[in-house]
C-alpha atoms as a PDB file:
ATOM      1  CA  MET A   1      -5.139  -7.209   3.666  1.00  0.00           C
ATOM      2  CA  ASN A   2      -8.086  -5.323   2.509  1.00  0.00           C
ATOM      3  CA  GLU A   3      -8.833  -2.643   5.008  1.00  0.00           C
ATOM      4  CA  THR A   4      -7.168   0.179   6.858  1.00  0.00           C
ATOM      5  CA  ARG A   5      -8.246   2.628   9.489  1.00  0.00           C
ATOM      6  CA  ASN A   6      -8.498   6.021   7.836  1.00  0.00           C
ATOM      7  CA  THR A   7     -10.834   8.961   7.850  1.00  0.00           C
ATOM      8  CA  ASP A   8     -12.628   9.826   4.620  1.00  0.00           C
ATOM      9  CA  PRO A   9     -14.516  12.980   3.604  1.00  0.00           C
ATOM     10  CA  PRO A  10     -18.276  13.015   3.121  1.00  0.00           C
ATOM     11  CA  THR A  11     -19.562  11.849  -0.236  1.00  0.00           C
ATOM     12  CA  SER A  12     -18.707  14.286  -2.972  1.00  0.00           C
ATOM     13  CA  SER A  13     -21.219  15.325  -5.592  1.00  0.00           C
ATOM     14  CA  GLU A  14     -18.517  14.793  -8.210  1.00  0.00           C
ATOM     15  CA  PRO A  15     -18.187  11.109  -9.091  1.00  0.00           C
ATOM     16  CA  ALA A  16     -14.810   9.458  -8.718  1.00  0.00           C
ATOM     17  CA  GLY A  17     -13.379   8.770 -12.134  1.00  0.00           C
ATOM     18  CA  TRP A  18     -10.299   7.840 -14.106  1.00  0.00           C
ATOM     19  CA  SER A  19      -8.476  11.139 -13.755  1.00  0.00           C
ATOM     20  CA  ASP A  20      -4.945  11.430 -12.485  1.00  0.00           C
ATOM     21  CA  GLY A  21      -5.980  13.538  -9.531  1.00  0.00           C
ATOM     22  CA  SER A  22      -4.823  16.838 -11.066  1.00  0.00           C
ATOM     23  CA  ASP A  23      -8.312  18.339 -10.745  1.00  0.00           C
ATOM     24  CA  GLY A  24      -7.976  18.963  -7.024  1.00  0.00           C
ATOM     25  CA  GLU A  25     -10.141  21.473  -5.204  1.00  0.00           C
ATOM     26  CA  GLY A  26      -8.979  24.859  -4.079  1.00  0.00           C
ATOM     27  CA  GLY A  27      -9.275  27.119  -7.139  1.00  0.00           C
ATOM     28  CA  ASP A  28      -5.921  27.910  -8.759  1.00  0.00           C
ATOM     29  CA  LYS A  29      -3.927  26.510  -5.871  1.00  0.00           C
ATOM     30  CA  PRO A  30      -2.240  23.273  -6.962  1.00  0.00           C
ATOM     31  CA  PRO A  31      -3.046  20.235  -4.823  1.00  0.00           C
ATOM     32  CA  SER A  32      -0.412  18.874  -2.496  1.00  0.00           C
ATOM     33  CA  ARG A  33       1.387  15.856  -3.885  1.00  0.00           C
ATOM     34  CA  GLY A  34       1.660  14.276  -0.471  1.00  0.00           C
ATOM     35  CA  LEU A  35       4.359  12.008   0.924  1.00  0.00           C
ATOM     36  CA  PHE A  36       4.334   9.368  -1.809  1.00  0.00           C
ATOM     37  CA  GLY A  37       4.099  11.987  -4.531  1.00  0.00           C
ATOM     38  CA  ARG A  38       7.267  13.631  -3.239  1.00  0.00           C
ATOM     39  CA  ILE A  39       8.993  10.264  -2.931  1.00  0.00           C
ATOM     40  CA  LEU A  40       8.132   9.490  -6.554  1.00  0.00           C
ATOM     41  CA  GLY A  41       9.519  12.877  -7.513  1.00  0.00           C
ATOM     42  CA  ARG A  42      12.795  12.094  -5.765  1.00  0.00           C
ATOM     43  CA  PHE A  43      12.813   8.741  -7.471  1.00  0.00           C
ATOM     44  CA  GLY A  44      12.747  10.384 -10.865  1.00  0.00           C
ATOM     45  CA  ALA A  45       9.065  10.637 -11.743  1.00  0.00           C
ATOM     46  CA  ASN A  46       9.279  14.443 -12.035  1.00  0.00           C
ATOM     47  CA  PRO A  47      12.740  15.534 -13.223  1.00  0.00           C
ATOM     48  CA  GLY A  48      11.778  19.212 -12.973  1.00  0.00           C
ATOM     49  CA  ASP A  49      11.484  19.102  -9.181  1.00  0.00           C
ATOM     50  CA  ALA A  50      15.188  19.511  -8.511  1.00  0.00           C
ATOM     51  CA  ASP A  51      14.640  22.913  -6.834  1.00  0.00           C
ATOM     52  CA  GLU A  52      12.419  21.462  -4.116  1.00  0.00           C
ATOM     53  CA  PRO A  53      13.760  21.578  -0.550  1.00  0.00           C
ATOM     54  CA  PRO A  54      15.398  18.413   0.827  1.00  0.00           C
ATOM     55  CA  PRO A  55      12.970  15.677   1.868  1.00  0.00           C
ATOM     56  CA  SER A  56      12.145  15.161   5.513  1.00  0.00           C
ATOM     57  CA  MET A  57      13.878  12.487   7.552  1.00  0.00           C
ATOM     58  CA  MET A  58      10.816  10.274   7.205  1.00  0.00           C
ATOM     59  CA  GLU A  59      10.805  10.601   3.420  1.00  0.00           C
ATOM     60  CA  ALA A  60      14.514   9.925   3.215  1.00  0.00           C
ATOM     61  CA  ALA A  61      14.141   6.854   5.401  1.00  0.00           C
ATOM     62  CA  VAL A  62      11.297   5.494   3.336  1.00  0.00           C
ATOM     63  CA  ALA A  63      13.022   6.278   0.041  1.00  0.00           C
ATOM     64  CA  GLY A  64      16.308   4.789   1.200  1.00  0.00           C
ATOM     65  CA  GLN A  65      15.183   1.747   3.152  1.00  0.00           C
ATOM     66  CA  ALA A  66      11.912   0.481   1.646  1.00  0.00           C
ATOM     67  CA  PRO A  67      12.954  -2.364  -0.669  1.00  0.00           C
ATOM     68  CA  GLY A  68       9.551  -2.327  -2.340  1.00  0.00           C
ATOM     69  CA  LEU A  69       9.757   1.259  -3.599  1.00  0.00           C
ATOM     70  CA  LEU A  70      10.312   0.057  -7.156  1.00  0.00           C
ATOM     71  CA  ASN A  71       6.953  -1.708  -6.968  1.00  0.00           C
ATOM     72  CA  LEU A  72       5.241   1.670  -7.319  1.00  0.00           C
ATOM     73  CA  ARG A  73       6.232   1.639 -10.980  1.00  0.00           C
ATOM     74  CA  ARG A  74       6.869  -2.032 -11.620  1.00  0.00           C
ATOM     75  CA  LYS A  75       3.517  -3.414 -10.422  1.00  0.00           C
ATOM     76  CA  SER A  76       0.062  -2.722 -11.796  1.00  0.00           C
ATOM     77  CA  VAL A  77      -3.274  -2.671  -9.994  1.00  0.00           C
ATOM     78  CA  ASP A  78      -4.051  -6.151 -11.347  1.00  0.00           C
ATOM     79  CA  ASP A  79      -1.038  -7.518  -9.456  1.00  0.00           C
ATOM     80  CA  VAL A  80      -2.345  -6.529  -6.027  1.00  0.00           C
ATOM     81  CA  ALA A  81      -6.147  -6.392  -6.336  1.00  0.00           C
ATOM     82  CA  VAL A  82      -8.463  -8.784  -4.530  1.00  0.00           C
ATOM     83  CA  PRO A  83     -10.147 -10.936  -7.208  1.00  0.00           C
ATOM     84  CA  ARG A  84     -13.843 -10.462  -7.865  1.00  0.00           C
ATOM     85  CA  ALA A  85     -14.776 -13.818  -6.311  1.00  0.00           C
ATOM     86  CA  GLU A  86     -13.352 -12.695  -2.949  1.00  0.00           C
ATOM     87  CA  ILE A  87     -14.913  -9.228  -2.808  1.00  0.00           C
ATOM     88  CA  VAL A  88     -17.257  -8.714   0.117  1.00  0.00           C
ATOM     89  CA  ALA A  89     -20.053  -6.377  -1.013  1.00  0.00           C
ATOM     90  CA  VAL A  90     -23.684  -5.699  -0.116  1.00  0.00           C
ATOM     91  CA  PRO A  91     -26.773  -4.647  -2.110  1.00  0.00           C
ATOM     92  CA  VAL A  92     -28.230  -1.222  -1.459  1.00  0.00           C
ATOM     93  CA  THR A  93     -31.389  -2.962  -0.211  1.00  0.00           C
ATOM     94  CA  VAL A  94     -29.537  -4.690   2.654  1.00  0.00           C
ATOM     95  CA  SER A  95     -31.138  -4.401   6.091  1.00  0.00           C
ATOM     96  CA  LEU A  96     -29.349  -2.800   9.022  1.00  0.00           C
ATOM     97  CA  HIS A  97     -29.077  -6.139  10.824  1.00  0.00           C
ATOM     98  CA  GLU A  98     -27.602  -7.859   7.756  1.00  0.00           C
ATOM     99  CA  LEU A  99     -25.123  -5.038   7.204  1.00  0.00           C
ATOM    100  CA  VAL A 100     -23.921  -5.137  10.798  1.00  0.00           C
ATOM    101  CA  GLU A 101     -23.428  -8.906  10.470  1.00  0.00           C
ATOM    102  CA  VAL A 102     -21.266  -8.380   7.366  1.00  0.00           C
ATOM    103  CA  PHE A 103     -19.033  -5.931   9.238  1.00  0.00           C
ATOM    104  CA  ARG A 104     -18.888  -8.232  12.252  1.00  0.00           C
ATOM    105  CA  GLU A 105     -18.081 -11.371  10.262  1.00  0.00           C
ATOM    106  CA  HIS A 106     -15.362  -9.932   8.037  1.00  0.00           C
ATOM    107  CA  GLY A 107     -13.867  -7.237  10.264  1.00  0.00           C
ATOM    108  CA  TYR A 108     -13.684  -4.652   7.480  1.00  0.00           C
ATOM    109  CA  SER A 109     -14.211  -0.928   7.944  1.00  0.00           C
ATOM    110  CA  ARG A 110     -15.430  -0.317   4.370  1.00  0.00           C
ATOM    111  CA  VAL A 111     -17.680  -2.411   2.136  1.00  0.00           C
ATOM    112  CA  PRO A 112     -18.727  -1.703  -1.478  1.00  0.00           C
ATOM    113  CA  VAL A 113     -22.433  -1.266  -2.167  1.00  0.00           C
ATOM    114  CA  HIS A 114     -24.092  -2.218  -5.463  1.00  0.00           C
ATOM    115  CA  ARG A 115     -27.520  -1.930  -7.043  1.00  0.00           C
ATOM    116  CA  GLY A 116     -28.351  -5.320  -8.587  1.00  0.00           C
ATOM    117  CA  ASN A 117     -24.951  -6.986  -8.761  1.00  0.00           C
ATOM    118  CA  LEU A 118     -21.305  -6.032  -8.363  1.00  0.00           C
ATOM    119  CA  ASP A 119     -21.183  -4.666 -11.920  1.00  0.00           C
ATOM    120  CA  GLU A 120     -23.522  -1.856 -10.813  1.00  0.00           C
ATOM    121  CA  PRO A 121     -21.578  -0.269  -7.928  1.00  0.00           C
ATOM    122  CA  LEU A 122     -23.014   2.743  -6.135  1.00  0.00           C
ATOM    123  CA  GLY A 123     -20.290   3.556  -3.624  1.00  0.00           C
ATOM    124  CA  LEU A 124     -19.042   2.275  -0.296  1.00  0.00           C
ATOM    125  CA  ILE A 125     -20.392   2.231   3.248  1.00  0.00           C
ATOM    126  CA  HIS A 126     -17.997   3.076   6.077  1.00  0.00           C
ATOM    127  CA  LEU A 127     -18.540   1.420   9.439  1.00  0.00           C
ATOM    128  CA  LYS A 128     -17.907   4.747  11.178  1.00  0.00           C
ATOM    129  CA  ASP A 129     -20.740   6.435   9.262  1.00  0.00           C
ATOM    130  CA  LEU A 130     -23.099   3.603  10.126  1.00  0.00           C
ATOM    131  CA  ALA A 131     -22.193   3.774  13.808  1.00  0.00           C
ATOM    132  CA  LEU A 132     -22.475   7.567  14.011  1.00  0.00           C
ATOM    133  CA  LYS A 133     -25.870   7.529  12.321  1.00  0.00           C
ATOM    134  CA  HIS A 134     -27.486   4.578  14.069  1.00  0.00           C
ATOM    135  CA  GLY A 135     -25.345   4.070  17.173  1.00  0.00           C
ATOM    136  CA  PHE A 136     -24.355   0.755  18.619  1.00  0.00           C
ATOM    137  CA  GLY A 137     -27.682  -0.152  20.193  1.00  0.00           C
ATOM    138  CA  ILE A 138     -29.695  -3.287  19.516  1.00  0.00           C
ATOM    139  CA  ARG A 139     -32.873  -1.434  18.598  1.00  0.00           C
ATOM    140  CA  ALA A 140     -33.122  -0.911  14.830  1.00  0.00           C
ATOM    141  CA  PRO A 141     -34.501   2.319  13.359  1.00  0.00           C
ATOM    142  CA  VAL A 142     -38.043   2.338  12.041  1.00  0.00           C
ATOM    143  CA  ARG A 143     -36.710   2.990   8.546  1.00  0.00           C
ATOM    144  CA  PHE A 144     -33.189   2.272   7.370  1.00  0.00           C
ATOM    145  CA  ALA A 145     -31.856   3.867   4.191  1.00  0.00           C
ATOM    146  CA  LEU A 146     -28.319   2.987   3.091  1.00  0.00           C
ATOM    147  CA  ARG A 147     -28.015   5.256   0.068  1.00  0.00           C
ATOM    148  CA  PRO A 148     -27.617   8.569   2.011  1.00  0.00           C
ATOM    149  CA  LEU A 149     -24.615   7.068   3.847  1.00  0.00           C
ATOM    150  CA  LEU A 150     -22.676   6.086   0.722  1.00  0.00           C
ATOM    151  CA  ARG A 151     -19.239   7.493  -0.047  1.00  0.00           C
ATOM    152  CA  PRO A 152     -17.639   7.548  -3.515  1.00  0.00           C
ATOM    153  CA  LEU A 153     -15.390   4.857  -4.951  1.00  0.00           C
ATOM    154  CA  LEU A 154     -12.603   5.128  -7.489  1.00  0.00           C
ATOM    155  CA  TYR A 155     -12.864   3.137 -10.721  1.00  0.00           C
ATOM    156  CA  VAL A 156      -9.541   2.253 -12.303  1.00  0.00           C
ATOM    157  CA  PRO A 157      -8.150  -0.024 -15.033  1.00  0.00           C
ATOM    158  CA  GLY A 158      -6.091  -3.016 -13.982  1.00  0.00           C
ATOM    159  CA  SER A 159      -3.139  -1.790 -16.029  1.00  0.00           C
ATOM    160  CA  MET A 160      -2.680   1.373 -13.933  1.00  0.00           C
ATOM    161  CA  PRO A 161       0.660   1.463 -12.043  1.00  0.00           C
ATOM    162  CA  ILE A 162       0.070   1.214  -8.314  1.00  0.00           C
ATOM    163  CA  GLY A 163       2.108   4.364  -7.737  1.00  0.00           C
ATOM    164  CA  ALA A 164      -0.335   6.374  -9.849  1.00  0.00           C
ATOM    165  CA  LEU A 165      -3.318   4.927  -7.988  1.00  0.00           C
ATOM    166  CA  LEU A 166      -1.679   5.599  -4.630  1.00  0.00           C
ATOM    167  CA  GLN A 167      -1.247   9.272  -5.518  1.00  0.00           C
ATOM    168  CA  GLN A 168      -4.817   9.489  -6.783  1.00  0.00           C
ATOM    169  CA  MET A 169      -6.184   7.940  -3.587  1.00  0.00           C
ATOM    170  CA  GLN A 170      -4.166  10.340  -1.474  1.00  0.00           C
ATOM    171  CA  GLN A 171      -5.225  13.409  -3.433  1.00  0.00           C
ATOM    172  CA  LYS A 172      -8.917  12.513  -3.664  1.00  0.00           C
ATOM    173  CA  ARG A 173      -8.978  11.037  -0.135  1.00  0.00           C
ATOM    174  CA  ILE A 174     -10.804   7.953  -1.410  1.00  0.00           C
ATOM    175  CA  HIS A 175      -9.150   4.817  -0.088  1.00  0.00           C
ATOM    176  CA  MET A 176     -10.947   2.071  -2.021  1.00  0.00           C
ATOM    177  CA  ALA A 177     -11.052   1.407  -5.763  1.00  0.00           C
ATOM    178  CA  LEU A 178     -12.816  -1.096  -7.971  1.00  0.00           C
ATOM    179  CA  VAL A 179     -10.864  -2.533 -10.891  1.00  0.00           C
ATOM    180  CA  ILE A 180     -12.896  -2.224 -14.085  1.00  0.00           C
ATOM    181  CA  ASP A 181     -12.404  -4.322 -17.218  1.00  0.00           C
ATOM    182  CA  GLU A 182     -12.767  -3.169 -20.817  1.00  0.00           C
ATOM    183  CA  TYR A 183     -16.502  -3.868 -20.785  1.00  0.00           C
ATOM    184  CA  GLY A 184     -17.178  -1.906 -17.604  1.00  0.00           C
ATOM    185  CA  GLY A 185     -17.480  -4.972 -15.383  1.00  0.00           C
ATOM    186  CA  VAL A 186     -15.804  -5.267 -11.992  1.00  0.00           C
ATOM    187  CA  ASP A 187     -12.661  -7.416 -11.962  1.00  0.00           C
ATOM    188  CA  GLY A 188     -11.333  -6.757  -8.475  1.00  0.00           C
ATOM    189  CA  LEU A 189     -10.934  -4.426  -5.511  1.00  0.00           C
ATOM    190  CA  VAL A 190      -7.932  -2.640  -4.044  1.00  0.00           C
ATOM    191  CA  THR A 191      -7.492  -0.453  -0.954  1.00  0.00           C
ATOM    192  CA  ILE A 192      -4.825   2.029  -0.019  1.00  0.00           C
ATOM    193  CA  GLU A 193      -3.450  -0.460   2.505  1.00  0.00           C
ATOM    194  CA  ASP A 194      -2.908  -3.018  -0.256  1.00  0.00           C
ATOM    195  CA  LEU A 195      -0.800  -0.455  -2.108  1.00  0.00           C
ATOM    196  CA  VAL A 196       1.214   0.711   0.894  1.00  0.00           C
ATOM    197  CA  GLU A 197       2.040  -2.917   1.727  1.00  0.00           C
ATOM    198  CA  GLN A 198       3.725  -3.264  -1.647  1.00  0.00           C
ATOM    199  CA  VAL A 199       6.257  -0.665  -0.505  1.00  0.00           C
ATOM    200  CA  LEU A 200       6.584  -1.170   3.235  1.00  0.00           C
ATOM    201  CA  GLY A 201       5.741  -4.868   3.542  1.00  0.00           C
ATOM    202  CA  GLU A 202       2.869  -6.672   5.223  1.00  0.00           C
ATOM    203  CA  ILE A 203       0.862  -4.598   7.705  1.00  0.00           C
ATOM    204  CA  ASP A 204      -1.049  -6.868  10.070  1.00  0.00           C
ATOM    205  CA  ASP A 205      -3.905  -5.713  12.247  1.00  0.00           C
ATOM    206  CA  GLU A 206      -6.108  -7.460  14.781  1.00  0.00           C
ATOM    207  CA  HIS A 207      -8.400  -8.834  12.067  1.00  0.00           C
ATOM    208  CA  ASP A 208      -5.704 -10.468   9.950  1.00  0.00           C
ATOM    209  CA  GLU A 209      -5.009 -14.153  10.063  1.00  0.00           C
ATOM    210  CA  GLY A 210      -1.412 -15.228  10.350  1.00  0.00           C
ATOM    211  CA  LYS A 211      -0.148 -18.097   8.258  1.00  0.00           C
ATOM    212  CA  GLU A 212      -0.863 -20.401  11.157  1.00  0.00           C
ATOM    213  CA  GLY A 213      -4.549 -19.545  10.721  1.00  0.00           C
ATOM    214  CA  LEU A 214      -4.616 -20.787   7.136  1.00  0.00           C
ATOM    215  CA  TRP A 215      -4.296 -24.459   8.048  1.00  0.00           C
ATOM    216  CA  VAL A 216      -4.507 -26.859  10.958  1.00  0.00           C
ATOM    217  CA  GLN A 217      -2.821 -30.254  11.182  1.00  0.00           C
ATOM    218  CA  GLU A 218      -5.538 -32.772  11.989  1.00  0.00           C
ATOM    219  CA  ALA A 219      -3.304 -35.853  12.187  1.00  0.00           C
ATOM    220  CA  SER A 220       0.069 -37.123  11.056  1.00  0.00           C
ATOM    221  CA  GLY A 221       0.267 -36.416   7.330  1.00  0.00           C
ATOM    222  CA  GLN A 222      -3.129 -34.669   7.195  1.00  0.00           C
ATOM    223  CA  TRP A 223      -4.028 -30.947   7.168  1.00  0.00           C
ATOM    224  CA  LEU A 224      -7.177 -28.882   6.743  1.00  0.00           C
ATOM    225  CA  VAL A 225      -6.096 -25.925   4.593  1.00  0.00           C
ATOM    226  CA  GLN A 226      -7.832 -22.739   3.437  1.00  0.00           C
ATOM    227  CA  SER A 227      -7.818 -22.581  -0.352  1.00  0.00           C
ATOM    228  CA  ARG A 228      -6.212 -19.126  -0.321  1.00  0.00           C
ATOM    229  CA  ALA A 229      -3.119 -20.409   1.514  1.00  0.00           C
ATOM    230  CA  PRO A 230       0.042 -19.504  -0.466  1.00  0.00           C
ATOM    231  CA  ILE A 231       1.380 -22.560  -2.237  1.00  0.00           C
ATOM    232  CA  GLU A 232       4.960 -21.895  -1.062  1.00  0.00           C
ATOM    233  CA  ALA A 233       3.824 -21.787   2.561  1.00  0.00           C
ATOM    234  CA  VAL A 234       1.911 -25.067   2.175  1.00  0.00           C
ATOM    235  CA  GLU A 235       4.935 -26.720   0.569  1.00  0.00           C
ATOM    236  CA  ALA A 236       7.123 -25.591   3.457  1.00  0.00           C
ATOM    237  CA  GLU A 237       4.609 -26.886   6.000  1.00  0.00           C
ATOM    238  CA  ILE A 238       4.254 -30.379   4.492  1.00  0.00           C
ATOM    239  CA  GLY A 239       7.865 -30.641   3.300  1.00  0.00           C
ATOM    240  CA  THR A 240       6.931 -31.587  -0.263  1.00  0.00           C
ATOM    241  CA  ARG A 241       6.995 -29.680  -3.524  1.00  0.00           C
ATOM    242  CA  LEU A 242       3.586 -29.383  -5.151  1.00  0.00           C
ATOM    243  CA  VAL A 243       4.263 -27.094  -8.114  1.00  0.00           C
ATOM    244  CA  SER A 244       7.214 -27.054 -10.483  1.00  0.00           C
ATOM    245  CA  GLY A 245       8.163 -26.223 -14.052  1.00  0.00           C
ATOM    246  CA  GLU A 246       5.895 -24.085 -16.196  1.00  0.00           C
ATOM    247  CA  TYR A 247       3.181 -23.848 -13.529  1.00  0.00           C
ATOM    248  CA  GLU A 248       5.326 -22.148 -10.877  1.00  0.00           C
ATOM    249  CA  GLU A 249       4.522 -18.676 -12.193  1.00  0.00           C
ATOM    250  CA  GLU A 250       0.829 -19.433 -12.706  1.00  0.00           C
ATOM    251  CA  ILE A 251      -0.224 -21.027  -9.403  1.00  0.00           C
ATOM    252  CA  ASP A 252      -0.134 -18.935  -6.228  1.00  0.00           C
ATOM    253  CA  THR A 253      -2.542 -20.724  -3.871  1.00  0.00           C
ATOM    254  CA  LEU A 254      -3.512 -24.255  -2.924  1.00  0.00           C
ATOM    255  CA  GLY A 255      -6.984 -23.660  -4.331  1.00  0.00           C
ATOM    256  CA  GLY A 256      -5.424 -22.691  -7.660  1.00  0.00           C
ATOM    257  CA  LEU A 257      -3.443 -25.937  -7.691  1.00  0.00           C
ATOM    258  CA  VAL A 258      -6.519 -28.063  -6.997  1.00  0.00           C
ATOM    259  CA  PHE A 259      -8.478 -26.203  -9.681  1.00  0.00           C
ATOM    260  CA  MET A 260      -5.696 -26.861 -12.210  1.00  0.00           C
ATOM    261  CA  LEU A 261      -5.448 -30.556 -11.304  1.00  0.00           C
ATOM    262  CA  ALA A 262      -9.216 -31.046 -11.555  1.00  0.00           C
ATOM    263  CA  GLY A 263      -9.657 -29.007 -14.735  1.00  0.00           C
ATOM    264  CA  HIS A 264     -12.841 -27.448 -13.320  1.00  0.00           C
ATOM    265  CA  VAL A 265     -14.203 -25.992 -10.086  1.00  0.00           C
ATOM    266  CA  PRO A 266     -14.294 -29.084  -7.841  1.00  0.00           C
ATOM    267  CA  ALA A 267     -17.498 -29.787  -5.962  1.00  0.00           C
ATOM    268  CA  GLN A 268     -17.698 -30.296  -2.218  1.00  0.00           C
ATOM    269  CA  GLY A 269     -16.581 -33.836  -1.375  1.00  0.00           C
ATOM    270  CA  GLU A 270     -14.607 -34.297  -4.596  1.00  0.00           C
ATOM    271  CA  VAL A 271     -11.121 -35.804  -4.234  1.00  0.00           C
ATOM    272  CA  VAL A 272      -8.267 -34.793  -6.537  1.00  0.00           C
ATOM    273  CA  THR A 273      -4.971 -36.712  -6.542  1.00  0.00           C
ATOM    274  CA  HIS A 274      -1.563 -35.167  -7.243  1.00  0.00           C
ATOM    275  CA  GLU A 275       0.947 -37.086  -9.365  1.00  0.00           C
ATOM    276  CA  ASN A 276       3.087 -37.619  -6.247  1.00  0.00           C
ATOM    277  CA  GLY A 277       0.198 -39.366  -4.491  1.00  0.00           C
ATOM    278  CA  ILE A 278      -1.007 -36.481  -2.307  1.00  0.00           C
ATOM    279  CA  ARG A 279      -4.821 -36.389  -2.107  1.00  0.00           C
ATOM    280  CA  PHE A 280      -6.847 -33.186  -1.922  1.00  0.00           C
ATOM    281  CA  GLU A 281     -10.397 -33.516  -0.613  1.00  0.00           C
ATOM    282  CA  VAL A 282     -12.624 -30.483  -1.171  1.00  0.00           C
ATOM    283  CA  VAL A 283     -14.243 -29.838   2.210  1.00  0.00           C
ATOM    284  CA  ASP A 284     -16.078 -26.599   1.419  1.00  0.00           C
ATOM    285  CA  ALA A 285     -16.889 -25.068  -1.968  1.00  0.00           C
ATOM    286  CA  ASP A 286     -19.601 -23.278  -3.889  1.00  0.00           C
ATOM    287  CA  ALA A 287     -20.352 -23.000  -7.598  1.00  0.00           C
ATOM    288  CA  ARG A 288     -17.560 -20.483  -8.174  1.00  0.00           C
ATOM    289  CA  ARG A 289     -14.660 -21.419  -5.905  1.00  0.00           C
ATOM    290  CA  VAL A 290     -13.102 -23.816  -3.452  1.00  0.00           C
ATOM    291  CA  LYS A 291     -12.935 -22.569   0.138  1.00  0.00           C
ATOM    292  CA  SER A 292     -11.187 -25.273   2.175  1.00  0.00           C
ATOM    293  CA  ILE A 293      -9.275 -28.461   1.349  1.00  0.00           C
ATOM    294  CA  ARG A 294      -8.164 -31.510   3.313  1.00  0.00           C
ATOM    295  CA  LEU A 295      -4.638 -32.469   2.268  1.00  0.00           C
ATOM    296  CA  ARG A 296      -3.448 -36.037   2.878  1.00  0.00           C
ATOM    297  CA  LEU A 297       0.075 -37.280   2.247  1.00  0.00           C
ATOM    298  CA  PRO A 298       0.510 -40.793   0.814  1.00  0.00           C
ATOM    299  CA  GLU A 299       0.284 -43.385   3.587  1.00  0.00           C
ATOM    300  CA  ASP A 300       3.786 -44.678   2.966  1.00  0.00           C
ATOM    301  CA  SER A 301       5.262 -41.201   3.456  1.00  0.00           C
ATOM    302  CA  ALA A 302       3.040 -39.765   6.190  1.00  0.00           C
ATOM    303  CA  GLY A 303       5.293 -41.060   8.928  1.00  0.00           C
ATOM    304  CA  ALA A 304       8.523 -40.920   6.993  1.00  0.00           C
ATOM    305  CA  GLU A 305      10.803 -38.086   6.079  1.00  0.00           C
ATOM    306  CA  GLU A 306       9.265 -36.078   3.238  1.00  0.00           C
ATOM    307  CA  THR A 307      11.132 -34.697   0.250  1.00  0.00           C
ATOM    308  CA  PRO A 308      12.545 -31.353   1.411  1.00  0.00           C
ATOM    309  CA  VAL A 309      11.501 -28.157  -0.327  1.00  0.00           C
ATOM    310  CA  ASP A 310      14.322 -26.325  -2.059  1.00  0.00           C
ATOM    311  CA  GLY A 311      15.768 -23.720   0.227  1.00  0.00           C
ATOM    312  CA  ALA A 312      13.894 -25.079   3.268  1.00  0.00           C
END
C-alpha cells in the first residue's frame, strides 16, 4: 500500500528535513504529540509522562490490542519502504494530460515530482490540488505549470525507526517521505499508510489488488504471476516449496527468486529452471526488473499431487 486519503497543508516555505519534529509552529507552545506519540509514551518512550491523564478508550484499545505495536521501535524505514525501482514519480516538466494518466493508471493520490531524475526531488503533487486548480474537464489550460502546486516531502535515512517517522509525519502533516542513502540518492519511498499498517495490519482500499490479483492460473500446472507476489503465497498456491535454507530470509517475492536463480536481471522471454524442475518464463521485463512470470510445474507433477508446503 502506498497511498492514503488525507488532507495536507499548503506547501511550506520551510523545507522538510531530518529533524525530529520538535520545531513545531506556534511560538512557545509545544506541539501536540498526537495519538501515536501518546501511545509511545505509554509504551515507555517517555518515562517522565507518568502524570499525564489516562489515555482515551481508543488509545487503550490500540495499545492493548494491536499486535504490531512493537514494530514502531523494532522496524526501521528500510523495512517498509517501497524500493526505488517501484516508485511512481513524474518530472516537473510533465504535461497535464500525462500527469492525469499517471494518477488514473496507478490510483495514487500523491506522486513525487523530480527535476531531472529521482535523485533531484522537488516535492509531491496531490491529486486534490490538481483537481481544484484545473477541474475535471477535458479541456487543458493554455499553460500548465506544475511547480506552484508542489507540496513538501520529508527526507529520512533508512535506519530511522518507523515510530519516529510516524510522529514526524503527524507533527509536520507531511504524509510521504523519500528514503535517502549516505550519498544523498533516493533509495525508496514510504507513506504514512505504510507505517500505520505495520501496527494495525493491512489496510485495503478500492485501488489495492488482493492476492488473487497477483496471479492467474492459465492451465493445469501453469500460472501467470506478478513478480511482486510474495513467495510464501505463491508456494501455497502451487503446493510446492520454492525457497529453503539460507535463502528464506533473503527472498521475499517470486521476482527475487527468479533473479537469484538467473544471477542477473532476466530478459523478456528468458526461461529459468528451478532445481525441482519448475520453469519460470519471463513474460514482461525491462532493463531493471522483472514484471511478470509464467510458472510451469514439471509435466510429471502437473496433474499429480504436489509436495505440500509446511504448515499448509
